[in-house]
Amino acid sequence: MTTLSERISQSAFDGSRLRVVLLLDLYDGAQNQFLEVYEHLREQVSSVPGHISDELCQSIENPSQWLITSEWESAPRFLAWVNSEEHVASVQPLHGCVRDTRSLRFSVLHVTGKGPGPGSLAPTGPPSAATSSPDAVDRVLGSLQVAPRRGDGVVRHALTFTVKPGSEPVVAKLLAGYTSPQAQVDESTRLRRTSLFMHGNRVVRAVEVEGDLLAALRHVAQQPEVQALEEAINPYLEQDRDLSDPGSARMFFTRAALPAVHHVAAGGREGADVERHALFYPAKDGCGMALARLLAGQDEAAVDDPTSPIEGSTVFQRDDIVVRLLDLRGPLEARPALALGVEGVHKAGVLARLLDSAKDGVPTTDQEISRFLARSEMRLITDRRSPVQA
């Protein structure tokens, strides 16, 4: 029997296969162009590590609507590809023929059927010694999600960007002083919380949305108060952008996206003594995903411990940028190893091997852990919650 955990969680690290669903609405007359772009993109994706298969489907009700489904060995494999500069460049030609897109990502929990499952999950091509054994097939196909996770109806996402050195005080003042946009997006979508942090010249904006994340982001971008803020910080950004140009805006927000790869929280209502903190971890080149996985495992154990002050945690990761958002009872420094995510035997040593030591050093002793925690803590600029609905 399938059981449901009492805690709230989401994770890219459960080892299960991933199914990605991409809904597309084409411009009138753009079908041939789209098919040419898709063929080129399909050839590129087929060689990406972790990719299993994909399918292209056309609506039988509206031929301008298309669906691309792809199967991946695991979420980390897919995320490494979709967050890469190679992916950004490869999908650029799609923007000329696609009016709108929507991407959905699902862990595979059950597969029912007589064959290998939807999407031709079995390896393609003639069998070989490397692919014909059951163990080899399992490696190619990936695993199924062990059990369903309990959700809370909230989507978590973050954006990150850097500002010109020396402009940090001005940017912090602008980010702290803007007028909050209207929280209610539509009948089913509402902005729940926005938390802004800075670490040096890096800005991280984390949002929580009840309902449709894409609808909420579009709603926020259209609000005059947010547009005024974005215009005000433009001169201070290290990466130039023109939000009035759809192509420039799309490129900026694609590169600024900082996906939530793990979230866990106790199932109860958050207490009044819980405060939000953020920690920035500079990972070694190519170690960002492994570092995020380490922190995720630590936080799963912490939330299950009734003595732990951690009420909830969200780990955001893109390339070698890892940010961990903590909802914590009591001061951050009360249990520094727990707060840093290295409480337990050898955990600090594992963290040390994943960190970019040239930037921040590596914590090995209790004193060094406390110092590293202080250096890693991001400065809270503003943390805004929308009013609770009756």
Protein backbone atom coordinates (compact mmCIF):
# COMPACT_ATOMS: atom_id res chain seq x y z
CA MET A 1 0.00 0.00 0.00
CA THR A 2 1.29 3.48 -0.89
CA THR A 3 1.77 5.64 2.21
CA LEU A 4 2.02 9.41 2.52
CA SER A 5 4.57 11.11 4.75
CA GLU A 6 3.21 13.57 7.32
CA ARG A 7 5.85 16.15 6.54
CA ILE A 8 5.61 18.51 3.58
CA SER A 9 8.30 17.94 0.99
CA GLN A 10 9.42 18.18 -2.60
CA SER A 11 12.71 16.93 -3.98
CA ALA A 12 14.76 16.42 -7.11
CA PHE A 13 16.91 13.89 -5.26
CA ASP A 14 14.69 10.83 -4.76
CA GLY A 15 16.40 8.98 -7.63
CA SER A 16 13.23 8.46 -9.65
CA ARG A 17 12.74 8.93 -13.37
CA LEU A 18 11.49 12.33 -14.47
CA ARG A 19 8.83 13.09 -17.03
CA VAL A 20 8.88 16.59 -18.51
CA VAL A 21 5.78 17.92 -20.25
CA LEU A 22 6.13 21.00 -22.45
CA LEU A 23 2.92 22.58 -23.78
CA LEU A 24 3.35 24.92 -26.76
CA ASP A 25 1.02 27.30 -28.57
CA LEU A 26 2.39 28.15 -32.05
CA TYR A 27 2.02 31.35 -33.99
CA ASP A 28 -0.22 31.09 -37.05
CA GLY A 29 1.74 29.77 -40.02
CA ALA A 30 4.78 28.79 -37.92
CA GLN A 31 4.28 25.02 -38.04
CA ASN A 32 6.99 24.21 -40.61
CA GLN A 33 9.50 26.43 -38.85
CA PHE A 34 8.66 24.77 -35.54
CA LEU A 35 9.11 21.26 -36.93
CA GLU A 36 12.53 22.17 -38.34
CA VAL A 37 13.60 23.62 -34.99
CA TYR A 38 12.25 20.59 -33.14
CA GLU A 39 14.21 18.15 -35.32
CA HIS A 40 17.44 20.01 -34.62
CA LEU A 41 16.66 20.24 -30.90
CA ARG A 42 15.73 16.55 -30.75
CA GLU A 43 19.11 15.56 -32.19
CA GLN A 44 20.90 17.69 -29.60
CA VAL A 45 18.90 16.41 -26.63
CA SER A 46 19.31 12.75 -27.63
CA SER A 47 23.03 12.95 -26.78
CA VAL A 48 22.53 14.63 -23.38
CA PRO A 49 23.47 12.33 -20.46
CA GLY A 50 20.36 11.09 -18.67
CA HIS A 51 17.95 11.59 -21.57
CA ILE A 52 15.87 8.48 -22.34
CA SER A 53 13.26 9.45 -24.91
CA ASP A 54 10.86 12.11 -26.12
CA GLU A 55 7.56 12.33 -27.96
CA LEU A 56 6.04 15.07 -30.10
CA CYS A 57 2.24 15.31 -30.10
CA GLN A 58 -0.25 17.59 -31.85
CA SER A 59 -3.66 18.48 -30.51
CA ILE A 60 -6.62 16.83 -32.29
CA GLU A 61 -8.79 19.81 -31.28
CA ASN A 62 -6.49 22.75 -32.01
CA PRO A 63 -3.62 21.97 -34.43
CA SER A 64 -1.72 25.05 -33.23
CA GLN A 65 -1.25 23.41 -29.84
CA TRP A 66 1.60 20.95 -29.46
CA LEU A 67 2.99 18.80 -26.67
CA ILE A 68 6.54 17.55 -26.15
CA THR A 69 7.10 14.93 -23.48
CA SER A 70 10.55 13.71 -22.51
CA GLU A 71 11.75 11.03 -20.14
CA TRP A 72 14.93 11.38 -18.05
CA GLU A 73 16.83 9.02 -15.78
CA SER A 74 16.53 11.51 -12.92
CA ALA A 75 15.68 15.13 -12.14
CA PRO A 76 19.33 16.16 -11.53
CA ARG A 77 20.26 14.96 -15.03
CA PHE A 78 17.49 17.06 -16.55
CA LEU A 79 18.20 20.12 -14.39
CA ALA A 80 21.90 20.05 -15.32
CA TRP A 81 20.84 20.27 -18.96
CA VAL A 82 17.98 22.76 -18.72
CA ASN A 83 20.06 25.20 -16.61
CA SER A 84 23.05 25.09 -18.96
CA GLU A 85 24.10 27.78 -21.43
CA GLU A 86 23.93 25.09 -24.13
CA HIS A 87 20.21 24.67 -23.46
CA VAL A 88 19.61 28.43 -23.46
CA ALA A 89 21.20 28.65 -26.90
CA SER A 90 19.45 25.56 -28.29
CA VAL A 91 15.91 26.74 -27.48
CA GLN A 92 16.48 30.27 -28.75
CA PRO A 93 15.10 29.48 -32.25
CA LEU A 94 11.82 28.28 -30.69
CA HIS A 95 10.93 31.80 -29.59
CA GLY A 96 10.32 32.87 -33.18
CA CYS A 97 7.55 30.34 -33.73
CA VAL A 98 6.04 29.73 -30.28
CA ARG A 99 3.51 32.15 -28.83
CA ASP A 100 3.40 30.62 -25.36
CA THR A 101 4.88 27.67 -23.46
CA ARG A 102 4.28 25.90 -20.18
CA SER A 103 6.68 23.38 -18.68
CA LEU A 104 5.66 20.76 -16.10
CA ARG A 105 7.94 18.25 -14.38
CA PHE A 106 6.88 15.04 -12.67
CA SER A 107 8.60 12.21 -10.84
CA VAL A 108 7.40 8.81 -12.08
CA LEU A 109 5.62 7.00 -9.24
CA HIS A 110 3.85 4.10 -10.99
CA VAL A 111 3.92 2.62 -14.49
CA THR A 112 1.00 0.49 -15.70
CA GLY A 113 0.94 -1.44 -18.96
CA LYS A 114 2.13 -4.51 -20.80
CA GLY A 115 5.11 -2.86 -22.48
CA PRO A 116 8.07 -0.97 -21.08
CA GLY A 117 5.82 2.01 -20.37
CA PRO A 118 4.92 5.32 -22.02
CA GLY A 119 7.53 7.09 -24.04
CA SER A 120 9.39 3.97 -25.24
CA LEU A 121 11.40 3.81 -22.05
CA ALA A 122 13.50 0.87 -23.12
CA PRO A 123 16.90 1.69 -24.67
CA THR A 124 16.77 2.19 -28.42
CA GLY A 125 18.98 0.35 -30.90
CA PRO A 126 20.15 -3.27 -30.95
CA PRO A 127 20.80 -4.94 -27.58
CA SER A 128 24.34 -5.28 -26.37
CA ALA A 129 26.14 -6.68 -23.37
CA ALA A 130 26.04 -3.19 -21.88
CA THR A 131 22.26 -2.83 -22.17
CA SER A 132 20.71 -6.29 -22.20
CA SER A 133 20.98 -7.25 -18.53
CA PRO A 134 18.21 -6.27 -16.06
CA ASP A 135 20.66 -4.19 -14.00
CA ALA A 136 21.77 -2.31 -17.10
CA VAL A 137 18.16 -1.63 -18.10
CA ASP A 138 17.45 -0.28 -14.60
CA ARG A 139 20.43 2.07 -14.92
CA VAL A 140 19.13 3.35 -18.25
CA LEU A 141 15.50 3.66 -17.19
CA GLY A 142 16.07 5.00 -13.71
CA SER A 143 13.90 4.14 -10.73
CA LEU A 144 10.37 4.91 -9.62
CA GLN A 145 9.57 7.34 -6.82
CA VAL A 146 9.34 5.24 -3.65
CA ALA A 147 6.30 7.00 -2.15
CA PRO A 148 4.16 10.07 -2.84
CA ARG A 149 5.08 13.29 -1.10
CA ARG A 150 2.71 15.53 0.80
CA GLY A 151 2.37 19.02 -0.67
CA ASP A 152 1.05 22.28 0.72
CA GLY A 153 -0.18 23.84 -2.52
CA VAL A 154 2.79 26.23 -2.64
CA VAL A 155 5.31 26.62 -5.48
CA ARG A 156 8.74 27.93 -4.48
CA HIS A 157 11.09 29.67 -6.88
CA ALA A 158 13.94 32.16 -6.75
CA LEU A 159 15.80 34.59 -8.98
CA THR A 160 19.40 35.64 -8.51
CA PHE A 161 21.56 38.29 -10.13
CA THR A 162 24.60 40.39 -9.32
CA VAL A 163 24.97 44.16 -9.10
CA LYS A 164 28.02 46.29 -9.73
CA PRO A 165 30.46 46.31 -6.78
CA GLY A 166 29.96 49.47 -4.73
CA SER A 167 26.26 49.76 -5.61
CA GLU A 168 25.08 47.34 -2.91
CA PRO A 169 23.77 50.00 -0.43
CA VAL A 170 21.75 51.75 -3.13
CA VAL A 171 20.31 48.48 -4.45
CA ALA A 172 19.48 47.27 -0.94
CA LYS A 173 17.59 50.51 -0.24
CA LEU A 174 15.62 50.20 -3.48
CA LEU A 175 14.74 46.56 -2.82
CA ALA A 176 13.68 47.27 0.75
CA GLY A 177 11.50 50.24 -0.09
CA TYR A 178 9.36 49.23 -3.04
CA THR A 179 5.57 48.96 -2.79
CA SER A 180 4.34 45.38 -2.70
CA PRO A 181 2.20 44.31 -5.68
CA GLN A 182 -1.34 43.08 -5.26
CA ALA A 183 -1.17 39.56 -3.81
CA GLN A 184 -4.27 38.08 -5.45
CA VAL A 185 -3.51 37.14 -9.05
CA ASP A 186 -6.77 35.37 -9.92
CA GLU A 187 -9.29 33.05 -8.29
CA SER A 188 -6.76 30.25 -7.89
CA THR A 189 -3.38 32.00 -7.63
CA ARG A 190 -1.97 34.21 -4.89
CA LEU A 191 1.43 35.56 -3.95
CA ARG A 192 2.10 34.26 -0.46
CA ARG A 193 5.58 35.46 0.46
CA THR A 194 8.58 37.29 -1.01
CA SER A 195 11.98 37.18 0.71
CA LEU A 196 14.92 39.27 -0.53
CA PHE A 197 18.50 38.64 0.59
CA MET A 198 21.94 39.87 -0.43
CA HIS A 199 25.40 38.32 -0.05
CA GLY A 200 28.09 40.70 -1.24
CA ASN A 201 26.87 41.93 -4.61
CA ARG A 202 24.56 38.93 -5.19
CA VAL A 203 20.79 39.40 -4.84
CA VAL A 204 18.42 36.48 -4.24
CA ARG A 205 14.66 36.96 -4.45
CA ALA A 206 12.67 33.95 -3.23
CA VAL A 207 8.92 33.76 -3.82
CA GLU A 208 6.16 31.47 -2.59
CA VAL A 209 3.04 31.18 -4.72
CA GLU A 210 -0.23 29.42 -4.07
CA GLY A 211 -1.42 28.21 -7.45
CA ASP A 212 0.17 28.91 -10.84
CA LEU A 213 3.77 30.16 -10.62
CA LEU A 214 3.90 31.35 -14.25
CA ALA A 215 0.67 33.32 -13.86
CA ALA A 216 2.02 34.90 -10.67
CA LEU A 217 5.34 35.90 -12.26
CA ARG A 218 3.54 37.47 -15.21
CA HIS A 219 1.19 39.28 -12.85
CA VAL A 220 4.09 40.71 -10.83
CA ALA A 221 5.96 41.82 -13.96
CA GLN A 222 2.93 43.84 -15.08
CA GLN A 223 2.50 45.78 -11.82
CA PRO A 224 3.58 49.46 -12.07
CA GLU A 225 5.34 49.40 -8.69
CA VAL A 226 7.47 46.41 -9.71
CA GLN A 227 8.21 47.88 -13.13
CA ALA A 228 9.40 51.07 -11.43
CA LEU A 229 11.68 49.04 -9.15
CA GLU A 230 13.15 47.04 -12.04
CA GLU A 231 13.80 50.25 -13.95
CA ALA A 232 15.47 51.82 -10.92
CA ILE A 233 17.95 48.96 -10.42
CA ASN A 234 18.79 48.55 -14.13
CA PRO A 235 21.83 50.91 -14.02
CA TYR A 236 23.38 48.87 -11.20
CA LEU A 237 23.13 45.40 -12.77
CA GLU A 238 26.27 43.62 -13.94
CA GLN A 239 24.30 41.98 -16.75
CA ASP A 240 22.62 44.50 -19.04
CA ARG A 241 18.96 43.95 -19.78
CA ASP A 242 16.04 45.68 -21.49
CA LEU A 243 12.78 44.44 -20.02
CA SER A 244 10.82 46.25 -22.73
CA ASP A 245 12.40 43.87 -25.25
CA PRO A 246 10.81 40.39 -24.91
CA GLY A 247 13.98 38.64 -26.07
CA SER A 248 16.23 40.48 -23.62
CA ALA A 249 13.79 39.98 -20.76
CA ARG A 250 13.44 36.27 -21.52
CA MET A 251 17.22 35.82 -21.59
CA PHE A 252 17.71 37.69 -18.30
CA PHE A 253 15.07 35.77 -16.38
CA THR A 254 16.18 32.45 -17.86
CA ARG A 255 19.72 33.01 -16.61
CA ALA A 256 18.52 34.47 -13.30
CA ALA A 257 16.28 31.49 -12.49
CA LEU A 258 17.33 29.65 -9.32
CA PRO A 259 15.08 26.56 -9.06
CA ALA A 260 14.04 24.98 -5.78
CA VAL A 261 15.54 21.48 -5.87
CA HIS A 262 14.42 20.46 -2.38
CA HIS A 263 11.93 21.60 0.24
CA VAL A 264 10.96 20.01 3.52
CA ALA A 265 8.87 21.29 6.43
CA ALA A 266 7.13 19.97 9.48
CA GLY A 267 3.41 19.49 8.92
CA GLY A 268 2.26 21.82 11.69
CA ARG A 269 1.51 25.52 11.58
CA GLU A 270 4.54 27.80 11.71
CA GLY A 271 5.04 29.38 15.14
CA ALA A 272 5.40 33.08 15.83
CA ASP A 273 9.00 32.60 16.99
CA VAL A 274 10.16 31.21 13.63
CA GLU A 275 12.48 33.48 11.65
CA ARG A 276 13.72 33.17 8.07
CA HIS A 277 17.43 33.03 7.25
CA ALA A 278 19.36 32.40 4.03
CA LEU A 279 22.81 30.90 3.56
CA PHE A 280 24.99 31.14 0.46
CA TYR A 281 27.30 28.22 -0.41
CA PRO A 282 30.03 28.74 -3.04
CA ALA A 283 30.39 25.29 -4.63
CA LYS A 284 33.41 24.04 -6.50
CA ASP A 285 33.10 23.89 -10.26
CA GLY A 286 30.68 21.08 -11.11
CA CYS A 287 29.80 20.33 -7.45
CA GLY A 288 26.64 22.43 -7.05
CA MET A 289 24.19 19.55 -7.41
CA ALA A 290 26.15 17.30 -5.03
CA LEU A 291 26.30 20.11 -2.46
CA ALA A 292 22.55 20.72 -2.75
CA ARG A 293 21.93 16.99 -2.30
CA LEU A 294 24.05 16.94 0.87
CA LEU A 295 22.13 19.85 2.39
CA ALA A 296 18.80 18.30 1.40
CA GLY A 297 19.63 15.09 3.23
CA GLN A 298 20.67 16.99 6.34
CA ASP A 299 17.44 18.98 6.38
CA GLU A 300 15.26 15.88 5.91
CA ALA A 301 16.82 14.45 9.09
CA ALA A 302 16.58 17.78 10.96
CA VAL A 303 12.85 18.24 10.31
CA ASP A 304 12.18 14.68 11.51
CA ASP A 305 14.03 15.41 14.80
CA PRO A 306 11.61 16.85 17.41
CA THR A 307 14.52 18.60 19.17
CA SER A 308 15.65 20.40 16.02
CA PRO A 309 14.92 24.15 15.73
CA ILE A 310 14.57 23.85 11.93
CA GLU A 311 10.90 24.14 10.98
CA GLY A 312 11.49 24.16 7.25
CA SER A 313 14.16 24.40 4.58
CA THR A 314 14.31 25.12 0.86
CA VAL A 315 17.45 24.49 -1.18
CA PHE A 316 17.84 26.43 -4.42
CA GLN A 317 20.54 25.46 -6.90
CA ARG A 318 21.75 26.39 -10.35
CA ASP A 319 25.19 25.42 -11.61
CA ASP A 320 27.56 26.18 -8.71
CA ILE A 321 25.23 28.60 -6.92
CA VAL A 322 23.54 27.03 -3.89
CA VAL A 323 21.26 28.97 -1.55
CA ARG A 324 19.55 27.43 1.47
CA LEU A 325 16.52 29.13 3.01
CA LEU A 326 15.87 28.20 6.64
CA ASP A 327 12.81 28.79 8.79
CA LEU A 328 14.29 28.48 12.26
CA ARG A 329 13.24 28.75 15.89
CA GLY A 330 15.80 30.65 17.93
CA PRO A 331 19.12 32.20 16.90
CA LEU A 332 21.01 30.81 13.90
CA GLU A 333 24.23 30.43 15.89
CA ALA A 334 22.68 28.34 18.70
CA ARG A 335 23.54 25.12 16.84
CA PRO A 336 25.98 26.27 14.15
CA ALA A 337 26.68 22.83 12.63
CA LEU A 338 22.96 22.12 12.28
CA ALA A 339 22.30 25.57 10.85
CA LEU A 340 25.13 25.13 8.35
CA GLY A 341 23.87 21.66 7.40
CA VAL A 342 26.86 19.65 8.62
CA GLU A 343 25.75 18.23 11.96
CA GLY A 344 26.89 14.60 12.23
CA VAL A 345 29.99 12.50 11.72
CA HIS A 346 32.18 13.53 8.75
CA LYS A 347 29.54 15.89 7.34
CA ALA A 348 31.81 18.96 7.64
CA GLY A 349 34.53 17.10 5.79
CA VAL A 350 32.13 16.22 2.96
CA LEU A 351 31.02 19.85 2.76
CA ALA A 352 34.65 20.95 2.65
CA ARG A 353 35.31 18.81 -0.41
CA LEU A 354 32.36 20.39 -2.24
CA LEU A 355 33.04 24.04 -1.41
CA ASP A 356 35.11 26.46 -3.41
CA SER A 357 37.83 26.85 -0.80
CA ALA A 358 39.49 29.66 -2.72
CA LYS A 359 36.50 31.86 -1.97
CA ASP A 360 35.48 31.18 1.60
CA GLY A 361 37.74 28.55 3.13
CA VAL A 362 36.53 25.19 4.41
CA PRO A 363 35.08 24.53 7.88
CA THR A 364 36.58 21.62 9.79
CA THR A 365 36.58 22.59 13.51
CA ASP A 366 33.67 23.91 15.61
CA GLN A 367 35.21 27.37 15.59
CA GLU A 368 35.66 27.31 11.82
CA ILE A 369 32.08 26.11 11.37
CA SER A 370 30.82 29.10 13.37
CA ARG A 371 32.97 31.47 11.33
CA PHE A 372 31.86 29.93 8.06
CA LEU A 373 28.23 30.16 9.15
CA ALA A 374 28.68 33.87 9.82
CA ARG A 375 30.31 34.39 6.41
CA SER A 376 27.64 32.34 4.64
CA GLU A 377 24.64 34.12 6.15
CA MET A 378 22.94 36.41 3.69
CA ARG A 379 21.67 39.82 4.70
CA LEU A 380 17.90 40.05 4.89
CA ILE A 381 16.63 43.00 2.88
CA THR A 382 12.90 42.42 3.17
CA ASP A 383 10.57 39.52 3.98
CA ARG A 384 6.95 40.17 3.03
CA ARG A 385 3.90 38.00 3.56
CA SER A 386 0.54 38.66 1.98
CA PRO A 387 -2.41 38.95 4.39
CA VAL A 388 -3.97 35.63 5.32
CA GLN A 389 -7.31 35.20 3.59
CA ALA A 390 -10.39 34.60 5.72
